[in-house]
Amino acid sequence: LEGRLRNIPDTSGSMGGARARARRVTRHLRRVAQAEKLIAKSSSALYSAFEREYESELMKIGTGRSQQKPTPRFNWR
């Protein structure tokens, strides 16, 4: 993205200003990317902790459900 933004000249037509603008914009994009990586890592840790702490309750719920009976098929022939 920074490479593309560098090629758009600023209002005065200066390419040096365009590079500075591109750096300022992509700096925020990099911060967002770092935050997204942290979110993914934390979400994974959350899910594993949830499974570890509530595994016994989840097993009880999973086996307690009755299976649905298959619907009978009509064979006309």
PDB file of N, CA and C in Angstrom:
ATOM      1  N   LEU A   1       0.829  -1.191   0.000  1.00  0.00           N
ATOM      2  CA  LEU A   1       0.000   0.000   0.000  1.00  0.00           C
ATOM      3  C   LEU A   1       0.870   1.249   0.000  1.00  0.00           C
ATOM      4  N   GLU A   2       1.924   1.197   0.786  1.00  0.00           N
ATOM      5  CA  GLU A   2       2.791   2.373   0.848  1.00  0.00           C
ATOM      6  C   GLU A   2       3.391   2.673  -0.520  1.00  0.00           C
ATOM      7  N   GLY A   3       3.768   1.642  -1.249  1.00  0.00           N
ATOM      8  CA  GLY A   3       4.326   1.838  -2.583  1.00  0.00           C
ATOM      9  C   GLY A   3       3.336   2.493  -3.528  1.00  0.00           C
ATOM     10  N   ARG A   4       2.078   2.107  -3.427  1.00  0.00           N
ATOM     11  CA  ARG A   4       1.053   2.713  -4.281  1.00  0.00           C
ATOM     12  C   ARG A   4       0.797   4.164  -3.889  1.00  0.00           C
ATOM     13  N   LEU A   5       0.753   4.428  -2.585  1.00  0.00           N
ATOM     14  CA  LEU A   5       0.473   5.786  -2.133  1.00  0.00           C
ATOM     15  C   LEU A   5       1.621   6.743  -2.437  1.00  0.00           C
ATOM     16  N   ARG A   6       2.836   6.227  -2.528  1.00  0.00           N
ATOM     17  CA  ARG A   6       3.984   7.078  -2.843  1.00  0.00           C
ATOM     18  C   ARG A   6       3.874   7.690  -4.231  1.00  0.00           C
ATOM     19  N   ASN A   7       3.171   7.031  -5.124  1.00  0.00           N
ATOM     20  CA  ASN A   7       3.071   7.493  -6.502  1.00  0.00           C
ATOM     21  C   ASN A   7       1.992   8.547  -6.709  1.00  0.00           C
ATOM     22  N   ILE A   8       1.237   8.869  -5.660  1.00  0.00           N
ATOM     23  CA  ILE A   8       0.212   9.904  -5.763  1.00  0.00           C
ATOM     24  C   ILE A   8       0.818  11.201  -5.238  1.00  0.00           C
ATOM     25  N   PRO A   9       1.073  12.168  -6.090  1.00  0.00           N
ATOM     26  CA  PRO A   9       1.702  13.412  -5.626  1.00  0.00           C
ATOM     27  C   PRO A   9       0.774  14.194  -4.704  1.00  0.00           C
ATOM     28  N   ASP A  10       1.380  14.970  -3.798  1.00  0.00           N
ATOM     29  CA  ASP A  10       0.563  15.774  -2.897  1.00  0.00           C
ATOM     30  C   ASP A  10      -0.001  16.978  -3.649  1.00  0.00           C
ATOM     31  N   THR A  11      -0.697  17.846  -2.942  1.00  0.00           N
ATOM     32  CA  THR A  11      -1.397  18.955  -3.600  1.00  0.00           C
ATOM     33  C   THR A  11      -0.457  19.915  -4.313  1.00  0.00           C
ATOM     34  N   SER A  12       0.781  20.018  -3.825  1.00  0.00           N
ATOM     35  CA  SER A  12       1.738  20.918  -4.483  1.00  0.00           C
ATOM     36  C   SER A  12       2.484  20.222  -5.618  1.00  0.00           C
ATOM     37  N   GLY A  13       2.249  18.930  -5.799  1.00  0.00           N
ATOM     38  CA  GLY A  13       2.912  18.179  -6.859  1.00  0.00           C
ATOM     39  C   GLY A  13       4.249  17.598  -6.453  1.00  0.00           C
ATOM     40  N   SER A  14       4.607  17.696  -5.192  1.00  0.00           N
ATOM     41  CA  SER A  14       5.894  17.204  -4.704  1.00  0.00           C
ATOM     42  C   SER A  14       5.829  15.710  -4.421  1.00  0.00           C
ATOM     43  N   MET A  15       6.807  14.975  -4.940  1.00  0.00           N
ATOM     44  CA  MET A  15       6.859  13.534  -4.667  1.00  0.00           C
ATOM     45  C   MET A  15       7.439  13.264  -3.285  1.00  0.00           C
ATOM     46  N   GLY A  16       8.258  14.180  -2.762  1.00  0.00           N
ATOM     47  CA  GLY A  16       8.763  14.029  -1.395  1.00  0.00           C
ATOM     48  C   GLY A  16       7.634  14.097  -0.389  1.00  0.00           C
ATOM     49  N   GLY A  17       6.701  14.994  -0.627  1.00  0.00           N
ATOM     50  CA  GLY A  17       5.526  15.089   0.231  1.00  0.00           C
ATOM     51  C   GLY A  17       4.647  13.863   0.111  1.00  0.00           C
ATOM     52  N   ALA A  18       4.625  13.289  -1.075  1.00  0.00           N
ATOM     53  CA  ALA A  18       3.827  12.077  -1.277  1.00  0.00           C
ATOM     54  C   ALA A  18       4.401  10.921  -0.476  1.00  0.00           C
ATOM     55  N   ARG A  19       5.717  10.801  -0.438  1.00  0.00           N
ATOM     56  CA  ARG A  19       6.338   9.727   0.349  1.00  0.00           C
ATOM     57  C   ARG A  19       6.063   9.917   1.836  1.00  0.00           C
ATOM     58  N   ALA A  20       6.116  11.162   2.302  1.00  0.00           N
ATOM     59  CA  ALA A  20       5.845  11.439   3.716  1.00  0.00           C
ATOM     60  C   ALA A  20       4.398  11.097   4.064  1.00  0.00           C
ATOM     61  N   ARG A  21       3.481  11.456   3.185  1.00  0.00           N
ATOM     62  CA  ARG A  21       2.072  11.117   3.431  1.00  0.00           C
ATOM     63  C   ARG A  21       1.874   9.613   3.460  1.00  0.00           C
ATOM     64  N   ALA A  22       2.522   8.918   2.559  1.00  0.00           N
ATOM     65  CA  ALA A  22       2.383   7.459   2.501  1.00  0.00           C
ATOM     66  C   ALA A  22       2.896   6.821   3.783  1.00  0.00           C
ATOM     67  N   ARG A  23       4.014   7.317   4.299  1.00  0.00           N
ATOM     68  CA  ARG A  23       4.545   6.774   5.558  1.00  0.00           C
ATOM     69  C   ARG A  23       3.591   7.031   6.717  1.00  0.00           C
ATOM     70  N   ARG A  24       3.016   8.232   6.762  1.00  0.00           N
ATOM     71  CA  ARG A  24       2.095   8.559   7.856  1.00  0.00           C
ATOM     72  C   ARG A  24       0.852   7.673   7.828  1.00  0.00           C
ATOM     73  N   VAL A  25       0.357   7.381   6.651  1.00  0.00           N
ATOM     74  CA  VAL A  25      -0.848   6.549   6.534  1.00  0.00           C
ATOM     75  C   VAL A  25      -0.532   5.091   6.852  1.00  0.00           C
ATOM     76  N   THR A  26       0.545   4.576   6.296  1.00  0.00           N
ATOM     77  CA  THR A  26       0.843   3.154   6.492  1.00  0.00           C
ATOM     78  C   THR A  26       1.334   2.847   7.895  1.00  0.00           C
ATOM     79  N   ARG A  27       1.778   3.857   8.630  1.00  0.00           N
ATOM     80  CA  ARG A  27       2.161   3.630  10.026  1.00  0.00           C
ATOM     81  C   ARG A  27       0.952   3.133  10.815  1.00  0.00           C
ATOM     82  N   HIS A  28      -0.201   3.732  10.579  1.00  0.00           N
ATOM     83  CA  HIS A  28      -1.421   3.294  11.270  1.00  0.00           C
ATOM     84  C   HIS A  28      -1.838   1.900  10.809  1.00  0.00           C
ATOM     85  N   LEU A  29      -1.637   1.617   9.546  1.00  0.00           N
ATOM     86  CA  LEU A  29      -1.969   0.296   9.026  1.00  0.00           C
ATOM     87  C   LEU A  29      -1.113  -0.784   9.685  1.00  0.00           C
ATOM     88  N   ARG A  30       0.144  -0.492   9.903  1.00  0.00           N
ATOM     89  CA  ARG A  30       1.021  -1.459  10.580  1.00  0.00           C
ATOM     90  C   ARG A  30       0.576  -1.696  12.017  1.00  0.00           C
ATOM     91  N   ARG A  31       0.146  -0.628  12.689  1.00  0.00           N
ATOM     92  CA  ARG A  31      -0.346  -0.783  14.064  1.00  0.00           C
ATOM     93  C   ARG A  31      -1.588  -1.670  14.106  1.00  0.00           C
ATOM     94  N   VAL A  32      -2.467  -1.477  13.149  1.00  0.00           N
ATOM     95  CA  VAL A  32      -3.674  -2.306  13.082  1.00  0.00           C
ATOM     96  C   VAL A  32      -3.298  -3.766  12.841  1.00  0.00           C
ATOM     97  N   ALA A  33      -2.322  -4.008  11.971  1.00  0.00           N
ATOM     98  CA  ALA A  33      -1.894  -5.381  11.685  1.00  0.00           C
ATOM     99  C   ALA A  33      -1.313  -6.037  12.935  1.00  0.00           C
ATOM    100  N   GLN A  34      -0.538  -5.293  13.709  1.00  0.00           N
ATOM    101  CA  GLN A  34       0.006  -5.839  14.948  1.00  0.00           C
ATOM    102  C   GLN A  34      -1.113  -6.151  15.934  1.00  0.00           C
ATOM    103  N   ALA A  35      -2.096  -5.263  16.013  1.00  0.00           N
ATOM    104  CA  ALA A  35      -3.223  -5.488  16.918  1.00  0.00           C
ATOM    105  C   ALA A  35      -4.026  -6.714  16.497  1.00  0.00           C
ATOM    106  N   GLU A  36      -4.200  -6.914  15.197  1.00  0.00           N
ATOM    107  CA  GLU A  36      -4.932  -8.086  14.707  1.00  0.00           C
ATOM    108  C   GLU A  36      -4.204  -9.378  15.066  1.00  0.00           C
ATOM    109  N   LYS A  37      -2.884  -9.374  14.990  1.00  0.00           N
ATOM    110  CA  LYS A  37      -2.118 -10.559  15.382  1.00  0.00           C
ATOM    111  C   LYS A  37      -2.313 -10.853  16.857  1.00  0.00           C
ATOM    112  N   LEU A  38      -2.310  -9.811  17.684  1.00  0.00           N
ATOM    113  CA  LEU A  38      -2.514  -9.991  19.115  1.00  0.00           C
ATOM    114  C   LEU A  38      -3.926 -10.493  19.404  1.00  0.00           C
ATOM    115  N   ILE A  39      -4.902  -9.985  18.666  1.00  0.00           N
ATOM    116  CA  ILE A  39      -6.284 -10.442  18.842  1.00  0.00           C
ATOM    117  C   ILE A  39      -6.400 -11.925  18.511  1.00  0.00           C
ATOM    118  N   ALA A  40      -5.778 -12.350  17.425  1.00  0.00           N
ATOM    119  CA  ALA A  40      -5.838 -13.764  17.038  1.00  0.00           C
ATOM    120  C   ALA A  40      -5.178 -14.647  18.089  1.00  0.00           C
ATOM    121  N   LYS A  41      -4.049 -14.206  18.609  1.00  0.00           N
ATOM    122  CA  LYS A  41      -3.342 -14.979  19.635  1.00  0.00           C
ATOM    123  C   LYS A  41      -4.182 -15.065  20.906  1.00  0.00           C
ATOM    124  N   SER A  42      -4.767 -13.945  21.316  1.00  0.00           N
ATOM    125  CA  SER A  42      -5.577 -13.930  22.530  1.00  0.00           C
ATOM    126  C   SER A  42      -6.852 -14.750  22.366  1.00  0.00           C
ATOM    127  N   SER A  43      -7.440 -14.719  21.190  1.00  0.00           N
ATOM    128  CA  SER A  43      -8.650 -15.510  20.946  1.00  0.00           C
ATOM    129  C   SER A  43      -8.364 -16.998  21.022  1.00  0.00           C
ATOM    130  N   SER A  44      -7.224 -17.398  20.503  1.00  0.00           N
ATOM    131  CA  SER A  44      -6.839 -18.801  20.569  1.00  0.00           C
ATOM    132  C   SER A  44      -6.614 -19.229  22.014  1.00  0.00           C
ATOM    133  N   ALA A  45      -5.962 -18.379  22.788  1.00  0.00           N
ATOM    134  CA  ALA A  45      -5.734 -18.686  24.199  1.00  0.00           C
ATOM    135  C   ALA A  45      -7.050 -18.741  24.961  1.00  0.00           C
ATOM    136  N   LEU A  46      -7.971 -17.855  24.637  1.00  0.00           N
ATOM    137  CA  LEU A  46      -9.279 -17.848  25.280  1.00  0.00           C
ATOM    138  C   LEU A  46     -10.026 -19.145  25.019  1.00  0.00           C
ATOM    139  N   TYR A  47     -10.040 -19.595  23.766  1.00  0.00           N
ATOM    140  CA  TYR A  47     -10.774 -20.808  23.418  1.00  0.00           C
ATOM    141  C   TYR A  47     -10.172 -22.035  24.096  1.00  0.00           C
ATOM    142  N   SER A  48      -8.851 -22.114  24.125  1.00  0.00           N
ATOM    143  CA  SER A  48      -8.233 -23.276  24.767  1.00  0.00           C
ATOM    144  C   SER A  48      -8.473 -23.264  26.269  1.00  0.00           C
ATOM    145  N   ALA A  49      -8.448 -22.083  26.895  1.00  0.00           N
ATOM    146  CA  ALA A  49      -8.731 -22.005  28.328  1.00  0.00           C
ATOM    147  C   ALA A  49     -10.184 -22.373  28.612  1.00  0.00           C
ATOM    148  N   PHE A  50     -11.096 -21.937  27.758  1.00  0.00           N
ATOM    149  CA  PHE A  50     -12.508 -22.279  27.929  1.00  0.00           C
ATOM    150  C   PHE A  50     -12.713 -23.780  27.846  1.00  0.00           C
ATOM    151  N   GLU A  51     -12.125 -24.409  26.844  1.00  0.00           N
ATOM    152  CA  GLU A  51     -12.266 -25.860  26.711  1.00  0.00           C
ATOM    153  C   GLU A  51     -11.657 -26.594  27.894  1.00  0.00           C
ATOM    154  N   ARG A  52     -10.513 -26.127  28.354  1.00  0.00           N
ATOM    155  CA  ARG A  52      -9.835 -26.787  29.466  1.00  0.00           C
ATOM    156  C   ARG A  52     -10.666 -26.684  30.746  1.00  0.00           C
ATOM    157  N   GLU A  53     -11.239 -25.517  31.017  1.00  0.00           N
ATOM    158  CA  GLU A  53     -11.971 -25.303  32.262  1.00  0.00           C
ATOM    159  C   GLU A  53     -13.363 -25.936  32.251  1.00  0.00           C
ATOM    160  N   TYR A  54     -14.005 -25.979  31.098  1.00  0.00           N
ATOM    161  CA  TYR A  54     -15.388 -26.434  31.025  1.00  0.00           C
ATOM    162  C   TYR A  54     -15.544 -27.742  30.266  1.00  0.00           C
ATOM    163  N   GLU A  55     -14.472 -28.503  30.131  1.00  0.00           N
ATOM    164  CA  GLU A  55     -14.524 -29.733  29.342  1.00  0.00           C
ATOM    165  C   GLU A  55     -15.523 -30.739  29.901  1.00  0.00           C
ATOM    166  N   SER A  56     -15.531 -30.913  31.217  1.00  0.00           N
ATOM    167  CA  SER A  56     -16.431 -31.914  31.793  1.00  0.00           C
ATOM    168  C   SER A  56     -17.899 -31.533  31.577  1.00  0.00           C
ATOM    169  N   GLU A  57     -18.224 -30.260  31.732  1.00  0.00           N
ATOM    170  CA  GLU A  57     -19.598 -29.831  31.502  1.00  0.00           C
ATOM    171  C   GLU A  57     -19.987 -29.977  30.035  1.00  0.00           C
ATOM    172  N   LEU A  58     -19.053 -29.688  29.145  1.00  0.00           N
ATOM    173  CA  LEU A  58     -19.338 -29.819  27.722  1.00  0.00           C
ATOM    174  C   LEU A  58     -19.569 -31.274  27.336  1.00  0.00           C
ATOM    175  N   MET A  59     -18.834 -32.189  27.950  1.00  0.00           N
ATOM    176  CA  MET A  59     -19.017 -33.603  27.648  1.00  0.00           C
ATOM    177  C   MET A  59     -20.392 -34.076  28.111  1.00  0.00           C
ATOM    178  N   LYS A  60     -20.854 -33.603  29.268  1.00  0.00           N
ATOM    179  CA  LYS A  60     -22.176 -33.992  29.765  1.00  0.00           C
ATOM    180  C   LYS A  60     -23.278 -33.502  28.829  1.00  0.00           C
ATOM    181  N   ILE A  61     -23.141 -32.294  28.371  1.00  0.00           N
ATOM    182  CA  ILE A  61     -24.156 -31.727  27.480  1.00  0.00           C
ATOM    183  C   ILE A  61     -24.159 -32.459  26.149  1.00  0.00           C
ATOM    184  N   GLY A  62     -22.983 -32.756  25.641  1.00  0.00           N
ATOM    185  CA  GLY A  62     -22.879 -33.390  24.330  1.00  0.00           C
ATOM    186  C   GLY A  62     -23.477 -34.780  24.305  1.00  0.00           C
ATOM    187  N   THR A  63     -23.316 -35.562  25.384  1.00  0.00           N
ATOM    188  CA  THR A  63     -23.853 -36.921  25.393  1.00  0.00           C
ATOM    189  C   THR A  63     -25.316 -36.943  25.809  1.00  0.00           C
ATOM    190  N   GLY A  64     -25.818 -35.897  26.437  1.00  0.00           N
ATOM    191  CA  GLY A  64     -27.190 -35.874  26.911  1.00  0.00           C
ATOM    192  C   GLY A  64     -28.206 -35.580  25.829  1.00  0.00           C
ATOM    193  N   ARG A  65     -27.779 -35.124  24.702  1.00  0.00           N
ATOM    194  CA  ARG A  65     -28.710 -34.789  23.633  1.00  0.00           C
ATOM    195  C   ARG A  65     -29.170 -36.053  22.919  1.00  0.00           C
ATOM    196  N   SER A  66     -30.458 -36.107  22.648  1.00  0.00           N
ATOM    197  CA  SER A  66     -30.969 -37.262  21.921  1.00  0.00           C
ATOM    198  C   SER A  66     -30.765 -37.037  20.432  1.00  0.00           C
ATOM    199  N   GLN A  67     -30.524 -38.115  19.739  1.00  0.00           N
ATOM    200  CA  GLN A  67     -30.315 -38.038  18.298  1.00  0.00           C
ATOM    201  C   GLN A  67     -31.669 -37.961  17.602  1.00  0.00           C
ATOM    202  N   GLN A  68     -31.743 -37.166  16.554  1.00  0.00           N
ATOM    203  CA  GLN A  68     -32.985 -37.071  15.800  1.00  0.00           C
ATOM    204  C   GLN A  68     -33.161 -38.324  14.960  1.00  0.00           C
ATOM    205  N   LYS A  69     -34.408 -38.807  14.924  1.00  0.00           N
ATOM    206  CA  LYS A  69     -34.696 -39.980  14.113  1.00  0.00           C
ATOM    207  C   LYS A  69     -34.774 -39.555  12.657  1.00  0.00           C
ATOM    208  N   PRO A  70     -34.247 -40.363  11.770  1.00  0.00           N
ATOM    209  CA  PRO A  70     -34.347 -39.988  10.352  1.00  0.00           C
ATOM    210  C   PRO A  70     -35.798 -40.036   9.893  1.00  0.00           C
ATOM    211  N   THR A  71     -36.155 -39.109   9.049  1.00  0.00           N
ATOM    212  CA  THR A  71     -37.528 -39.069   8.544  1.00  0.00           C
ATOM    213  C   THR A  71     -37.727 -40.209   7.551  1.00  0.00           C
ATOM    214  N   PRO A  72     -38.886 -40.862   7.606  1.00  0.00           N
ATOM    215  CA  PRO A  72     -39.120 -41.985   6.679  1.00  0.00           C
ATOM    216  C   PRO A  72     -39.255 -41.479   5.247  1.00  0.00           C
ATOM    217  N   ARG A  73     -38.682 -42.224   4.344  1.00  0.00           N
ATOM    218  CA  ARG A  73     -38.758 -41.882   2.927  1.00  0.00           C
ATOM    219  C   ARG A  73     -39.955 -42.604   2.310  1.00  0.00           C
ATOM    220  N   PHE A  74     -40.627 -41.906   1.449  1.00  0.00           N
ATOM    221  CA  PHE A  74     -41.757 -42.506   0.754  1.00  0.00           C
ATOM    222  C   PHE A  74     -41.253 -43.168  -0.518  1.00  0.00           C
ATOM    223  N   ASN A  75     -41.488 -44.450  -0.607  1.00  0.00           N
ATOM    224  CA  ASN A  75     -41.115 -45.200  -1.808  1.00  0.00           C
ATOM    225  C   ASN A  75     -42.392 -45.540  -2.560  1.00  0.00           C
ATOM    226  N   TRP A  76     -42.678 -44.823  -3.593  1.00  0.00           N
ATOM    227  CA  TRP A  76     -43.906 -44.989  -4.350  1.00  0.00           C
ATOM    228  C   TRP A  76     -43.812 -46.125  -5.346  1.00  0.00           C
ATOM    229  N   ARG A  77     -42.689 -46.609  -5.624  1.00  0.00           N
ATOM    230  CA  ARG A  77     -42.559 -47.678  -6.618  1.00  0.00           C
ATOM    231  C   ARG A  77     -42.420 -49.017  -5.985  1.00  0.00           C
TER     232      ARG A  77
END
